[in-house]
């Protein structure tokens, strides 16, 4: 019972931390930073519709981001493919 109460804040904190770590380590030669950022975003998107809509709008404004995500999509785990599909700008309701 107690875990259900703190699950959402824990996922939001963990997602934020992973995303920040991913952005900081993104310039590294290995693509580990991008992986951390995507995992962090997947946690944030699963718990916050606000983040999901913001990512959709960002992908609509900067098509290059969406193109790069679609390029790497076949090589990602299933849960990250779902994040890419969920944040597709075509699903944005305005």
N, C-alpha and C. Protein backbone atom coordinates (compact mmCIF):
# COMPACT_ATOMS: atom_id res chain seq x y z
N UNK A 1 0.82 -1.19 0.00
CA UNK A 1 0.00 0.00 0.00
C UNK A 1 0.87 1.26 0.00
N UNK A 2 1.90 1.29 0.83
CA UNK A 2 2.74 2.47 0.92
C UNK A 2 3.53 2.70 -0.37
N UNK A 3 3.88 1.63 -1.05
CA UNK A 3 4.64 1.77 -2.29
C UNK A 3 3.81 2.46 -3.37
N UNK A 4 2.51 2.20 -3.40
CA UNK A 4 1.66 2.83 -4.39
C UNK A 4 1.59 4.34 -4.19
N UNK A 5 1.68 4.78 -2.96
CA UNK A 5 1.60 6.21 -2.66
C UNK A 5 2.84 6.94 -3.13
N UNK A 6 3.99 6.32 -3.00
CA UNK A 6 5.24 7.00 -3.34
C UNK A 6 5.79 6.61 -4.71
N UNK A 7 5.09 5.75 -5.44
CA UNK A 7 5.59 5.30 -6.74
C UNK A 7 5.72 6.44 -7.74
N UNK A 8 4.69 7.27 -7.87
CA UNK A 8 4.73 8.35 -8.86
C UNK A 8 5.85 9.35 -8.56
N UNK A 9 5.96 9.87 -7.32
CA UNK A 9 7.08 10.78 -7.06
C UNK A 9 8.45 10.14 -7.27
N UNK A 10 8.58 8.87 -6.91
CA UNK A 10 9.86 8.19 -7.12
C UNK A 10 10.20 8.08 -8.60
N UNK A 11 9.20 7.75 -9.41
CA UNK A 11 9.45 7.64 -10.85
C UNK A 11 9.78 9.01 -11.45
N UNK A 12 9.12 10.06 -10.96
CA UNK A 12 9.41 11.40 -11.46
C UNK A 12 10.83 11.83 -11.08
N UNK A 13 11.23 11.55 -9.85
CA UNK A 13 12.58 11.91 -9.41
C UNK A 13 13.63 11.10 -10.17
N UNK A 14 13.41 9.79 -10.28
CA UNK A 14 14.36 8.94 -10.99
C UNK A 14 14.44 9.33 -12.46
N UNK A 15 13.31 9.61 -13.08
CA UNK A 15 13.30 10.03 -14.48
C UNK A 15 14.03 11.34 -14.69
N UNK A 16 13.81 12.28 -13.77
CA UNK A 16 14.50 13.57 -13.88
C UNK A 16 16.01 13.40 -13.74
N UNK A 17 16.42 12.60 -12.76
CA UNK A 17 17.85 12.38 -12.53
C UNK A 17 18.50 11.70 -13.74
N UNK A 18 17.86 10.67 -14.27
CA UNK A 18 18.41 9.97 -15.43
C UNK A 18 18.49 10.90 -16.64
N UNK A 19 17.46 11.71 -16.82
CA UNK A 19 17.47 12.64 -17.95
C UNK A 19 18.61 13.65 -17.82
N UNK A 20 18.78 14.20 -16.63
CA UNK A 20 19.86 15.17 -16.41
C UNK A 20 21.23 14.52 -16.62
N UNK A 21 21.42 13.33 -16.08
CA UNK A 21 22.67 12.60 -16.29
C UNK A 21 22.90 12.34 -17.77
N UNK A 22 21.84 11.97 -18.47
CA UNK A 22 21.94 11.72 -19.90
C UNK A 22 22.34 12.94 -20.69
N UNK A 23 21.76 14.09 -20.35
CA UNK A 23 22.10 15.33 -21.05
C UNK A 23 23.55 15.72 -20.77
N UNK A 24 23.97 15.55 -19.53
CA UNK A 24 25.36 15.90 -19.18
C UNK A 24 26.36 15.00 -19.88
N UNK A 25 26.06 13.71 -19.97
CA UNK A 25 27.00 12.76 -20.58
C UNK A 25 26.79 12.56 -22.07
N UNK A 26 25.85 13.28 -22.67
CA UNK A 26 25.57 13.12 -24.11
C UNK A 26 26.77 13.38 -25.00
N UNK A 27 27.64 14.36 -24.69
CA UNK A 27 28.79 14.59 -25.57
C UNK A 27 29.87 13.50 -25.50
N UNK A 28 29.74 12.56 -24.59
CA UNK A 28 30.75 11.51 -24.47
C UNK A 28 30.81 10.68 -25.75
N UNK A 29 31.96 10.07 -26.03
CA UNK A 29 32.10 9.29 -27.27
C UNK A 29 31.14 8.10 -27.36
N UNK A 30 30.81 7.50 -26.23
CA UNK A 30 29.87 6.39 -26.25
C UNK A 30 28.45 6.94 -26.12
N UNK A 31 27.46 6.30 -26.74
CA UNK A 31 26.09 6.83 -26.72
C UNK A 31 25.34 6.54 -25.41
N UNK A 32 26.04 6.37 -24.31
CA UNK A 32 25.38 6.04 -23.06
C UNK A 32 24.52 7.21 -22.56
N UNK A 33 24.93 8.43 -22.85
CA UNK A 33 24.16 9.60 -22.43
C UNK A 33 22.78 9.64 -23.07
N UNK A 34 22.71 9.33 -24.35
CA UNK A 34 21.43 9.31 -25.04
C UNK A 34 20.53 8.23 -24.46
N UNK A 35 21.11 7.09 -24.11
CA UNK A 35 20.33 6.01 -23.53
C UNK A 35 19.76 6.43 -22.18
N UNK A 36 20.59 7.04 -21.32
CA UNK A 36 20.10 7.52 -20.03
C UNK A 36 18.99 8.55 -20.21
N UNK A 37 19.17 9.47 -21.16
CA UNK A 37 18.16 10.50 -21.39
C UNK A 37 16.84 9.87 -21.84
N UNK A 38 16.91 8.88 -22.73
CA UNK A 38 15.68 8.24 -23.19
C UNK A 38 14.99 7.43 -22.09
N UNK A 39 15.77 6.75 -21.27
CA UNK A 39 15.18 6.00 -20.15
C UNK A 39 14.53 6.98 -19.17
N UNK A 40 15.22 8.08 -18.88
CA UNK A 40 14.65 9.10 -18.00
C UNK A 40 13.37 9.67 -18.56
N UNK A 41 13.37 9.97 -19.87
CA UNK A 41 12.15 10.47 -20.50
C UNK A 41 11.03 9.44 -20.46
N UNK A 42 11.36 8.17 -20.62
CA UNK A 42 10.31 7.16 -20.57
C UNK A 42 9.64 7.13 -19.20
N UNK A 43 10.42 7.29 -18.15
CA UNK A 43 9.83 7.36 -16.80
C UNK A 43 8.99 8.62 -16.63
N UNK A 44 9.50 9.74 -17.09
CA UNK A 44 8.76 10.99 -16.96
C UNK A 44 7.46 10.97 -17.76
N UNK A 45 7.53 10.45 -18.98
CA UNK A 45 6.34 10.41 -19.84
C UNK A 45 5.29 9.46 -19.29
N UNK A 46 5.73 8.38 -18.68
CA UNK A 46 4.76 7.42 -18.14
C UNK A 46 3.99 7.99 -16.95
N UNK A 47 4.54 8.99 -16.28
CA UNK A 47 3.88 9.55 -15.09
C UNK A 47 3.37 10.97 -15.27
N UNK A 48 3.72 11.64 -16.35
CA UNK A 48 3.35 13.04 -16.49
C UNK A 48 2.87 13.34 -17.91
N UNK A 49 1.60 13.65 -18.04
CA UNK A 49 1.08 13.99 -19.37
C UNK A 49 1.63 15.35 -19.82
N UNK A 50 1.99 16.22 -18.87
CA UNK A 50 2.57 17.51 -19.20
C UNK A 50 3.88 17.32 -19.96
N UNK A 51 4.72 16.41 -19.47
CA UNK A 51 6.01 16.14 -20.14
C UNK A 51 5.76 15.56 -21.53
N UNK A 52 4.80 14.67 -21.63
CA UNK A 52 4.49 14.03 -22.91
C UNK A 52 4.10 15.08 -23.96
N UNK A 53 3.22 16.01 -23.58
CA UNK A 53 2.78 17.05 -24.52
C UNK A 53 3.95 17.97 -24.88
N UNK A 54 4.80 18.30 -23.93
CA UNK A 54 5.96 19.15 -24.20
C UNK A 54 6.92 18.49 -25.19
N UNK A 55 7.13 17.19 -25.04
CA UNK A 55 8.02 16.48 -25.96
C UNK A 55 7.39 16.42 -27.35
N UNK A 56 6.08 16.21 -27.42
CA UNK A 56 5.40 16.20 -28.71
C UNK A 56 5.55 17.56 -29.41
N UNK A 57 5.37 18.63 -28.66
CA UNK A 57 5.51 19.97 -29.25
C UNK A 57 6.95 20.24 -29.68
N UNK A 58 7.91 19.80 -28.88
CA UNK A 58 9.32 19.97 -29.25
C UNK A 58 9.62 19.22 -30.54
N UNK A 59 9.12 17.99 -30.65
CA UNK A 59 9.36 17.20 -31.87
C UNK A 59 8.68 17.82 -33.07
N UNK A 60 7.55 18.50 -32.87
CA UNK A 60 6.88 19.16 -33.99
C UNK A 60 7.67 20.39 -34.43
N UNK A 61 8.20 21.16 -33.47
CA UNK A 61 8.94 22.37 -33.79
C UNK A 61 10.33 22.08 -34.36
N UNK A 62 10.95 20.99 -33.92
CA UNK A 62 12.30 20.64 -34.37
C UNK A 62 12.24 19.25 -35.01
N UNK A 63 11.88 19.18 -36.29
CA UNK A 63 11.72 17.89 -36.95
C UNK A 63 12.97 17.01 -36.93
N UNK A 64 14.14 17.61 -36.82
CA UNK A 64 15.39 16.85 -36.79
C UNK A 64 15.39 15.86 -35.62
N UNK A 65 14.84 16.25 -34.49
CA UNK A 65 14.79 15.37 -33.31
C UNK A 65 13.96 14.13 -33.64
N UNK A 66 12.80 14.34 -34.21
CA UNK A 66 11.94 13.21 -34.58
C UNK A 66 12.59 12.31 -35.61
N UNK A 67 13.30 12.91 -36.56
CA UNK A 67 13.98 12.11 -37.58
C UNK A 67 15.06 11.23 -36.96
N UNK A 68 15.82 11.81 -36.03
CA UNK A 68 16.87 11.02 -35.38
C UNK A 68 16.27 9.91 -34.52
N UNK A 69 15.18 10.20 -33.83
CA UNK A 69 14.53 9.16 -33.01
C UNK A 69 14.00 8.03 -33.89
N UNK A 70 13.42 8.38 -35.03
CA UNK A 70 12.93 7.34 -35.93
C UNK A 70 14.08 6.52 -36.52
N UNK A 71 15.23 7.16 -36.70
CA UNK A 71 16.39 6.47 -37.25
C UNK A 71 16.91 5.41 -36.28
N UNK A 72 16.94 5.72 -34.98
CA UNK A 72 17.48 4.78 -33.99
C UNK A 72 16.40 3.85 -33.43
N UNK A 73 15.14 4.11 -33.71
CA UNK A 73 14.03 3.34 -33.15
C UNK A 73 14.18 1.83 -33.33
N UNK A 74 14.56 1.33 -34.51
CA UNK A 74 14.65 -0.13 -34.67
C UNK A 74 15.69 -0.81 -33.76
N UNK A 75 16.63 -0.05 -33.24
CA UNK A 75 17.71 -0.61 -32.44
C UNK A 75 17.45 -0.51 -30.93
N UNK A 76 16.30 0.03 -30.55
CA UNK A 76 16.01 0.28 -29.14
C UNK A 76 15.15 -0.83 -28.54
N UNK A 77 15.17 -0.95 -27.21
CA UNK A 77 14.27 -1.90 -26.54
C UNK A 77 12.80 -1.47 -26.70
N UNK A 78 11.92 -2.40 -26.47
CA UNK A 78 10.49 -2.19 -26.70
C UNK A 78 9.94 -0.98 -25.92
N UNK A 79 10.36 -0.82 -24.65
CA UNK A 79 9.81 0.28 -23.86
C UNK A 79 10.25 1.64 -24.41
N UNK A 80 11.41 1.73 -25.02
CA UNK A 80 11.84 2.99 -25.62
C UNK A 80 11.16 3.24 -26.96
N UNK A 81 10.86 2.18 -27.68
CA UNK A 81 10.08 2.33 -28.91
C UNK A 81 8.70 2.91 -28.58
N UNK A 82 8.13 2.47 -27.46
CA UNK A 82 6.82 2.97 -27.03
C UNK A 82 6.91 4.47 -26.71
N UNK A 83 8.00 4.90 -26.11
CA UNK A 83 8.18 6.33 -25.81
C UNK A 83 8.22 7.13 -27.11
N UNK A 84 8.94 6.65 -28.08
CA UNK A 84 9.03 7.35 -29.37
C UNK A 84 7.66 7.42 -30.02
N UNK A 85 6.92 6.32 -29.98
CA UNK A 85 5.58 6.31 -30.57
C UNK A 85 4.62 7.22 -29.80
N UNK A 86 4.69 7.20 -28.48
CA UNK A 86 3.80 8.02 -27.65
C UNK A 86 4.05 9.51 -27.82
N UNK A 87 5.28 9.89 -28.12
CA UNK A 87 5.59 11.31 -28.27
C UNK A 87 5.60 11.76 -29.73
N UNK A 88 5.04 10.94 -30.61
CA UNK A 88 4.93 11.31 -32.01
C UNK A 88 4.07 12.56 -32.13
N UNK A 89 4.53 13.60 -32.81
CA UNK A 89 3.75 14.84 -32.91
C UNK A 89 2.41 14.66 -33.61
N UNK A 90 2.24 13.59 -34.36
CA UNK A 90 0.96 13.33 -35.00
C UNK A 90 -0.15 13.02 -33.99
N UNK A 91 0.24 12.64 -32.77
CA UNK A 91 -0.74 12.34 -31.72
C UNK A 91 -1.10 13.57 -30.88
N UNK A 92 -0.50 14.72 -31.20
CA UNK A 92 -0.72 15.94 -30.42
C UNK A 92 -2.11 16.51 -30.72
N UNK A 93 -2.86 16.75 -29.66
CA UNK A 93 -4.21 17.32 -29.79
C UNK A 93 -4.13 18.78 -29.43
N UNK A 94 -4.46 19.63 -30.39
CA UNK A 94 -4.43 21.07 -30.11
C UNK A 94 -5.79 21.67 -30.28
